[in-house]
Amino acid sequence: MTGYSVRAVADAIACFLAEHPACADTIEGVELWWLNPRGITPPREVIARALELLEVERVIEHRLIGPRKLWRLRRAKD
């Protein structure tokens, strides 16, 4: 048991992005810069599942930068 639910981590990510809407980062950056400074230290697997959940909920999106995913708030489509 990690102590962190996917939903709780997803909510923390969404909260961070509400405060910093221009931010975009990889899963490693989400862990190091978005969550850890807030005292949130879930396993990376939980972070990945939280990012996927937010993408399904259409809150965030990812862009491929080479082989890596860069996560950001979902942009309105023109």
PDB file of N, CA and C in Angstrom:
ATOM      1  N   MET A   1       0.843  -1.195   0.000  1.00  0.00           N
ATOM      2  CA  MET A   1       0.000   0.000   0.000  1.00  0.00           C
ATOM      3  C   MET A   1       0.874   1.239   0.000  1.00  0.00           C
ATOM      4  N   THR A   2       0.643   2.106  -0.952  1.00  0.00           N
ATOM      5  CA  THR A   2       1.463   3.303  -1.084  1.00  0.00           C
ATOM      6  C   THR A   2       0.952   4.454  -0.237  1.00  0.00           C
ATOM      7  N   GLY A   3      -0.324   4.451   0.079  1.00  0.00           N
ATOM      8  CA  GLY A   3      -0.894   5.570   0.804  1.00  0.00           C
ATOM      9  C   GLY A   3      -1.413   6.657  -0.119  1.00  0.00           C
ATOM     10  N   TYR A   4      -1.202   6.525  -1.424  1.00  0.00           N
ATOM     11  CA  TYR A   4      -1.654   7.516  -2.393  1.00  0.00           C
ATOM     12  C   TYR A   4      -2.592   6.859  -3.399  1.00  0.00           C
ATOM     13  N   SER A   5      -3.796   7.359  -3.476  1.00  0.00           N
ATOM     14  CA  SER A   5      -4.705   6.850  -4.497  1.00  0.00           C
ATOM     15  C   SER A   5      -4.438   7.579  -5.810  1.00  0.00           C
ATOM     16  N   VAL A   6      -4.782   6.924  -6.890  1.00  0.00           N
ATOM     17  CA  VAL A   6      -4.642   7.543  -8.207  1.00  0.00           C
ATOM     18  C   VAL A   6      -5.462   8.823  -8.254  1.00  0.00           C
ATOM     19  N   ARG A   7      -6.657   8.796  -7.699  1.00  0.00           N
ATOM     20  CA  ARG A   7      -7.519   9.981  -7.714  1.00  0.00           C
ATOM     21  C   ARG A   7      -6.890  11.142  -6.941  1.00  0.00           C
ATOM     22  N   ALA A   8      -6.313  10.858  -5.778  1.00  0.00           N
ATOM     23  CA  ALA A   8      -5.698  11.920  -4.972  1.00  0.00           C
ATOM     24  C   ALA A   8      -4.509  12.540  -5.714  1.00  0.00           C
ATOM     25  N   VAL A   9      -3.715  11.720  -6.365  1.00  0.00           N
ATOM     26  CA  VAL A   9      -2.574  12.237  -7.119  1.00  0.00           C
ATOM     27  C   VAL A   9      -3.067  13.029  -8.328  1.00  0.00           C
ATOM     28  N   ALA A  10      -4.082  12.535  -9.014  1.00  0.00           N
ATOM     29  CA  ALA A  10      -4.655  13.266 -10.141  1.00  0.00           C
ATOM     30  C   ALA A  10      -5.177  14.631  -9.689  1.00  0.00           C
ATOM     31  N   ASP A  11      -5.834  14.669  -8.549  1.00  0.00           N
ATOM     32  CA  ASP A  11      -6.339  15.947  -8.026  1.00  0.00           C
ATOM     33  C   ASP A  11      -5.200  16.900  -7.694  1.00  0.00           C
ATOM     34  N   ALA A  12      -4.105  16.383  -7.151  1.00  0.00           N
ATOM     35  CA  ALA A  12      -2.948  17.228  -6.839  1.00  0.00           C
ATOM     36  C   ALA A  12      -2.328  17.786  -8.121  1.00  0.00           C
ATOM     37  N   ILE A  13      -2.258  16.978  -9.165  1.00  0.00           N
ATOM     38  CA  ILE A  13      -1.731  17.446 -10.445  1.00  0.00           C
ATOM     39  C   ILE A  13      -2.637  18.517 -11.026  1.00  0.00           C
ATOM     40  N   ALA A  14      -3.943  18.284 -10.994  1.00  0.00           N
ATOM     41  CA  ALA A  14      -4.899  19.264 -11.513  1.00  0.00           C
ATOM     42  C   ALA A  14      -4.815  20.567 -10.728  1.00  0.00           C
ATOM     43  N   CYS A  15      -4.641  20.483  -9.429  1.00  0.00           N
ATOM     44  CA  CYS A  15      -4.498  21.674  -8.587  1.00  0.00           C
ATOM     45  C   CYS A  15      -3.240  22.450  -8.973  1.00  0.00           C
ATOM     46  N   PHE A  16      -2.139  21.732  -9.157  1.00  0.00           N
ATOM     47  CA  PHE A  16      -0.893  22.383  -9.576  1.00  0.00           C
ATOM     48  C   PHE A  16      -1.112  23.121 -10.892  1.00  0.00           C
ATOM     49  N   LEU A  17      -1.739  22.457 -11.851  1.00  0.00           N
ATOM     50  CA  LEU A  17      -1.941  23.075 -13.163  1.00  0.00           C
ATOM     51  C   LEU A  17      -2.928  24.235 -13.120  1.00  0.00           C
ATOM     52  N   ALA A  18      -3.871  24.208 -12.196  1.00  0.00           N
ATOM     53  CA  ALA A  18      -4.775  25.351 -12.038  1.00  0.00           C
ATOM     54  C   ALA A  18      -3.994  26.582 -11.582  1.00  0.00           C
ATOM     55  N   GLU A  19      -2.963  26.358 -10.776  1.00  0.00           N
ATOM     56  CA  GLU A  19      -2.124  27.450 -10.280  1.00  0.00           C
ATOM     57  C   GLU A  19      -1.029  27.839 -11.272  1.00  0.00           C
ATOM     58  N   HIS A  20      -0.636  26.904 -12.138  1.00  0.00           N
ATOM     59  CA  HIS A  20       0.465  27.112 -13.090  1.00  0.00           C
ATOM     60  C   HIS A  20       0.038  26.591 -14.466  1.00  0.00           C
ATOM     61  N   PRO A  21      -0.924  27.250 -15.112  1.00  0.00           N
ATOM     62  CA  PRO A  21      -1.500  26.690 -16.342  1.00  0.00           C
ATOM     63  C   PRO A  21      -0.549  26.606 -17.532  1.00  0.00           C
ATOM     64  N   ALA A  22       0.553  27.309 -17.509  1.00  0.00           N
ATOM     65  CA  ALA A  22       1.482  27.261 -18.638  1.00  0.00           C
ATOM     66  C   ALA A  22       2.515  26.144 -18.504  1.00  0.00           C
ATOM     67  N   CYS A  23       2.523  25.433 -17.397  1.00  0.00           N
ATOM     68  CA  CYS A  23       3.533  24.386 -17.171  1.00  0.00           C
ATOM     69  C   CYS A  23       3.283  23.162 -18.052  1.00  0.00           C
ATOM     70  N   ALA A  24       4.367  22.542 -18.413  1.00  0.00           N
ATOM     71  CA  ALA A  24       4.343  21.269 -19.141  1.00  0.00           C
ATOM     72  C   ALA A  24       5.602  20.519 -18.746  1.00  0.00           C
ATOM     73  N   ASP A  25       5.486  19.207 -18.559  1.00  0.00           N
ATOM     74  CA  ASP A  25       6.664  18.445 -18.141  1.00  0.00           C
ATOM     75  C   ASP A  25       6.467  16.968 -18.395  1.00  0.00           C
ATOM     76  N   THR A  26       7.572  16.233 -18.307  1.00  0.00           N
ATOM     77  CA  THR A  26       7.567  14.781 -18.400  1.00  0.00           C
ATOM     78  C   THR A  26       7.094  14.200 -17.066  1.00  0.00           C
ATOM     79  N   ILE A  27       6.904  12.896 -17.026  1.00  0.00           N
ATOM     80  CA  ILE A  27       6.494  12.257 -15.777  1.00  0.00           C
ATOM     81  C   ILE A  27       7.545  12.498 -14.681  1.00  0.00           C
ATOM     82  N   GLU A  28       8.811  12.501 -15.070  1.00  0.00           N
ATOM     83  CA  GLU A  28       9.870  12.767 -14.085  1.00  0.00           C
ATOM     84  C   GLU A  28       9.758  14.187 -13.541  1.00  0.00           C
ATOM     85  N   GLY A  29       9.472  15.134 -14.419  1.00  0.00           N
ATOM     86  CA  GLY A  29       9.293  16.520 -13.985  1.00  0.00           C
ATOM     87  C   GLY A  29       8.053  16.706 -13.136  1.00  0.00           C
ATOM     88  N   VAL A  30       6.979  16.015 -13.493  1.00  0.00           N
ATOM     89  CA  VAL A  30       5.759  16.068 -12.683  1.00  0.00           C
ATOM     90  C   VAL A  30       6.072  15.607 -11.262  1.00  0.00           C
ATOM     91  N   GLU A  31       6.815  14.523 -11.175  1.00  0.00           N
ATOM     92  CA  GLU A  31       7.199  13.994  -9.869  1.00  0.00           C
ATOM     93  C   GLU A  31       8.082  14.985  -9.108  1.00  0.00           C
ATOM     94  N   LEU A  32       9.146  15.453  -9.749  1.00  0.00           N
ATOM     95  CA  LEU A  32      10.144  16.284  -9.066  1.00  0.00           C
ATOM     96  C   LEU A  32       9.710  17.719  -8.807  1.00  0.00           C
ATOM     97  N   TRP A  33       8.954  18.313  -9.730  1.00  0.00           N
ATOM     98  CA  TRP A  33       8.655  19.744  -9.642  1.00  0.00           C
ATOM     99  C   TRP A  33       7.214  20.054  -9.300  1.00  0.00           C
ATOM    100  N   TRP A  34       6.288  19.174  -9.627  1.00  0.00           N
ATOM    101  CA  TRP A  34       4.882  19.463  -9.363  1.00  0.00           C
ATOM    102  C   TRP A  34       4.413  18.846  -8.049  1.00  0.00           C
ATOM    103  N   LEU A  35       4.857  17.631  -7.753  1.00  0.00           N
ATOM    104  CA  LEU A  35       4.338  16.896  -6.596  1.00  0.00           C
ATOM    105  C   LEU A  35       5.269  16.925  -5.381  1.00  0.00           C
ATOM    106  N   ASN A  36       6.526  16.550  -5.555  1.00  0.00           N
ATOM    107  CA  ASN A  36       7.437  16.450  -4.415  1.00  0.00           C
ATOM    108  C   ASN A  36       7.534  17.726  -3.581  1.00  0.00           C
ATOM    109  N   PRO A  37       7.597  18.930  -4.189  1.00  0.00           N
ATOM    110  CA  PRO A  37       7.667  20.136  -3.359  1.00  0.00           C
ATOM    111  C   PRO A  37       6.430  20.342  -2.478  1.00  0.00           C
ATOM    112  N   ARG A  38       5.334  19.698  -2.819  1.00  0.00           N
ATOM    113  CA  ARG A  38       4.113  19.781  -2.022  1.00  0.00           C
ATOM    114  C   ARG A  38       4.030  18.654  -0.991  1.00  0.00           C
ATOM    115  N   GLY A  39       5.097  17.872  -0.899  1.00  0.00           N
ATOM    116  CA  GLY A  39       5.116  16.762   0.048  1.00  0.00           C
ATOM    117  C   GLY A  39       4.365  15.537  -0.431  1.00  0.00           C
ATOM    118  N   ILE A  40       4.083  15.467  -1.717  1.00  0.00           N
ATOM    119  CA  ILE A  40       3.357  14.342  -2.308  1.00  0.00           C
ATOM    120  C   ILE A  40       4.387  13.472  -3.017  1.00  0.00           C
ATOM    121  N   THR A  41       4.576  12.236  -2.519  1.00  0.00           N
ATOM    122  CA  THR A  41       5.649  11.382  -3.033  1.00  0.00           C
ATOM    123  C   THR A  41       5.166   9.984  -3.391  1.00  0.00           C
ATOM    124  N   PRO A  42       4.209   9.884  -4.313  1.00  0.00           N
ATOM    125  CA  PRO A  42       3.726   8.558  -4.706  1.00  0.00           C
ATOM    126  C   PRO A  42       4.729   7.859  -5.620  1.00  0.00           C
ATOM    127  N   PRO A  43       4.588   6.547  -5.755  1.00  0.00           N
ATOM    128  CA  PRO A  43       5.415   5.825  -6.732  1.00  0.00           C
ATOM    129  C   PRO A  43       5.116   6.331  -8.150  1.00  0.00           C
ATOM    130  N   ARG A  44       6.093   6.232  -9.013  1.00  0.00           N
ATOM    131  CA  ARG A  44       5.920   6.733 -10.382  1.00  0.00           C
ATOM    132  C   ARG A  44       4.767   6.030 -11.102  1.00  0.00           C
ATOM    133  N   GLU A  45       4.516   4.771 -10.787  1.00  0.00           N
ATOM    134  CA  GLU A  45       3.386   4.058 -11.403  1.00  0.00           C
ATOM    135  C   GLU A  45       2.063   4.744 -11.084  1.00  0.00           C
ATOM    136  N   VAL A  46       1.905   5.223  -9.874  1.00  0.00           N
ATOM    137  CA  VAL A  46       0.680   5.929  -9.478  1.00  0.00           C
ATOM    138  C   VAL A  46       0.589   7.269 -10.216  1.00  0.00           C
ATOM    139  N   ILE A  47       1.717   7.948 -10.371  1.00  0.00           N
ATOM    140  CA  ILE A  47       1.727   9.206 -11.125  1.00  0.00           C
ATOM    141  C   ILE A  47       1.309   8.955 -12.568  1.00  0.00           C
ATOM    142  N   ALA A  48       1.851   7.905 -13.172  1.00  0.00           N
ATOM    143  CA  ALA A  48       1.503   7.571 -14.561  1.00  0.00           C
ATOM    144  C   ALA A  48       0.009   7.297 -14.688  1.00  0.00           C
ATOM    145  N   ARG A  49      -0.545   6.544 -13.766  1.00  0.00           N
ATOM    146  CA  ARG A  49      -1.976   6.243 -13.815  1.00  0.00           C
ATOM    147  C   ARG A  49      -2.806   7.509 -13.590  1.00  0.00           C
ATOM    148  N   ALA A  50      -2.335   8.420 -12.735  1.00  0.00           N
ATOM    149  CA  ALA A  50      -3.046   9.676 -12.498  1.00  0.00           C
ATOM    150  C   ALA A  50      -3.039  10.548 -13.754  1.00  0.00           C
ATOM    151  N   LEU A  51      -1.894  10.608 -14.429  1.00  0.00           N
ATOM    152  CA  LEU A  51      -1.815  11.369 -15.684  1.00  0.00           C
ATOM    153  C   LEU A  51      -2.752  10.779 -16.731  1.00  0.00           C
ATOM    154  N   GLU A  52      -2.776   9.465 -16.843  1.00  0.00           N
ATOM    155  CA  GLU A  52      -3.669   8.806 -17.797  1.00  0.00           C
ATOM    156  C   GLU A  52      -5.134   9.080 -17.457  1.00  0.00           C
ATOM    157  N   LEU A  53      -5.469   9.050 -16.168  1.00  0.00           N
ATOM    158  CA  LEU A  53      -6.835   9.349 -15.745  1.00  0.00           C
ATOM    159  C   LEU A  53      -7.229  10.765 -16.143  1.00  0.00           C
ATOM    160  N   LEU A  54      -6.361  11.732 -15.886  1.00  0.00           N
ATOM    161  CA  LEU A  54      -6.656  13.119 -16.252  1.00  0.00           C
ATOM    162  C   LEU A  54      -6.766  13.287 -17.764  1.00  0.00           C
ATOM    163  N   GLU A  55      -6.008  12.511 -18.516  1.00  0.00           N
ATOM    164  CA  GLU A  55      -6.129  12.583 -19.973  1.00  0.00           C
ATOM    165  C   GLU A  55      -7.474  12.025 -20.429  1.00  0.00           C
ATOM    166  N   VAL A  56      -7.905  10.920 -19.858  1.00  0.00           N
ATOM    167  CA  VAL A  56      -9.216  10.347 -20.184  1.00  0.00           C
ATOM    168  C   VAL A  56     -10.332  11.336 -19.817  1.00  0.00           C
ATOM    169  N   GLU A  57     -10.149  12.039 -18.720  1.00  0.00           N
ATOM    170  CA  GLU A  57     -11.133  13.038 -18.271  1.00  0.00           C
ATOM    171  C   GLU A  57     -11.026  14.347 -19.051  1.00  0.00           C
ATOM    172  N   ARG A  58     -10.078  14.415 -19.983  1.00  0.00           N
ATOM    173  CA  ARG A  58      -9.881  15.561 -20.868  1.00  0.00           C
ATOM    174  C   ARG A  58      -9.444  16.825 -20.126  1.00  0.00           C
ATOM    175  N   VAL A  59      -8.717  16.631 -19.036  1.00  0.00           N
ATOM    176  CA  VAL A  59      -8.156  17.743 -18.274  1.00  0.00           C
ATOM    177  C   VAL A  59      -6.776  18.095 -18.826  1.00  0.00           C
ATOM    178  N   ILE A  60      -6.001  17.069 -19.150  1.00  0.00           N
ATOM    179  CA  ILE A  60      -4.650  17.265 -19.671  1.00  0.00           C
ATOM    180  C   ILE A  60      -4.497  16.523 -20.987  1.00  0.00           C
ATOM    181  N   GLU A  61      -3.369  16.793 -21.636  1.00  0.00           N
ATOM    182  CA  GLU A  61      -3.009  16.098 -22.871  1.00  0.00           C
ATOM    183  C   GLU A  61      -1.504  15.901 -22.864  1.00  0.00           C
ATOM    184  N   HIS A  62      -1.023  15.062 -23.752  1.00  0.00           N
ATOM    185  CA  HIS A  62       0.420  14.896 -23.867  1.00  0.00           C
ATOM    186  C   HIS A  62       0.837  15.136 -25.307  1.00  0.00           C
ATOM    187  N   ARG A  63       2.085  15.520 -25.443  1.00  0.00           N
ATOM    188  CA  ARG A  63       2.734  15.675 -26.738  1.00  0.00           C
ATOM    189  C   ARG A  63       4.003  14.852 -26.682  1.00  0.00           C
ATOM    190  N   LEU A  64       4.335  14.223 -27.781  1.00  0.00           N
ATOM    191  CA  LEU A  64       5.582  13.455 -27.838  1.00  0.00           C
ATOM    192  C   LEU A  64       6.732  14.372 -28.210  1.00  0.00           C
ATOM    193  N   ILE A  65       7.780  14.297 -27.420  1.00  0.00           N
ATOM    194  CA  ILE A  65       9.038  14.993 -27.685  1.00  0.00           C
ATOM    195  C   ILE A  65      10.067  13.871 -27.809  1.00  0.00           C
ATOM    196  N   GLY A  66      10.336  13.483 -29.035  1.00  0.00           N
ATOM    197  CA  GLY A  66      11.143  12.272 -29.243  1.00  0.00           C
ATOM    198  C   GLY A  66      10.360  11.105 -28.666  1.00  0.00           C
ATOM    199  N   PRO A  67      10.990  10.277 -27.847  1.00  0.00           N
ATOM    200  CA  PRO A  67      10.288   9.134 -27.269  1.00  0.00           C
ATOM    201  C   PRO A  67       9.563   9.458 -25.949  1.00  0.00           C
ATOM    202  N   ARG A  68       9.640  10.704 -25.496  1.00  0.00           N
ATOM    203  CA  ARG A  68       9.097  11.067 -24.186  1.00  0.00           C
ATOM    204  C   ARG A  68       7.782  11.821 -24.315  1.00  0.00           C
ATOM    205  N   LYS A  69       6.918  11.623 -23.322  1.00  0.00           N
ATOM    206  CA  LYS A  69       5.655  12.353 -23.269  1.00  0.00           C
ATOM    207  C   LYS A  69       5.823  13.597 -22.419  1.00  0.00           C
ATOM    208  N   LEU A  70       5.320  14.708 -22.933  1.00  0.00           N
ATOM    209  CA  LEU A  70       5.288  15.965 -22.213  1.00  0.00           C
ATOM    210  C   LEU A  70       3.825  16.244 -21.884  1.00  0.00           C
ATOM    211  N   TRP A  71       3.499  16.379 -20.597  1.00  0.00           N
ATOM    212  CA  TRP A  71       2.127  16.553 -20.137  1.00  0.00           C
ATOM    213  C   TRP A  71       1.838  18.024 -19.880  1.00  0.00           C
ATOM    214  N   ARG A  72       0.612  18.467 -20.232  1.00  0.00           N
ATOM    215  CA  ARG A  72       0.192  19.854 -20.023  1.00  0.00           C
ATOM    216  C   ARG A  72      -1.327  19.914 -19.962  1.00  0.00           C
ATOM    217  N   LEU A  73      -1.840  21.076 -19.562  1.00  0.00           N
ATOM    218  CA  LEU A  73      -3.288  21.275 -19.603  1.00  0.00           C
ATOM    219  C   LEU A  73      -3.769  21.078 -21.030  1.00  0.00           C
ATOM    220  N   ARG A  74      -4.952  20.549 -21.152  1.00  0.00           N
ATOM    221  CA  ARG A  74      -5.533  20.340 -22.485  1.00  0.00           C
ATOM    222  C   ARG A  74      -5.838  21.694 -23.104  1.00  0.00           C
ATOM    223  N   ARG A  75      -5.422  21.865 -24.315  1.00  0.00           N
ATOM    224  CA  ARG A  75      -5.677  23.109 -25.056  1.00  0.00           C
ATOM    225  C   ARG A  75      -6.994  22.997 -25.798  1.00  0.00           C
ATOM    226  N   ALA A  76      -7.706  24.100 -25.874  1.00  0.00           N
ATOM    227  CA  ALA A  76      -8.941  24.123 -26.647  1.00  0.00           C
ATOM    228  C   ALA A  76      -8.578  23.949 -28.122  1.00  0.00           C
ATOM    229  N   LYS A  77      -9.332  23.116 -28.792  1.00  0.00           N
ATOM    230  CA  LYS A  77      -9.088  22.879 -30.217  1.00  0.00           C
ATOM    231  C   LYS A  77      -9.794  23.967 -31.020  1.00  0.00           C
ATOM    232  N   ASP A  78      -9.089  24.463 -32.021  1.00  0.00           N
ATOM    233  CA  ASP A  78      -9.693  25.506 -32.897  1.00  0.00           C
ATOM    234  C   ASP A  78     -10.712  24.924 -33.828  1.00  0.00           C
TER     235      ASP A  78
END
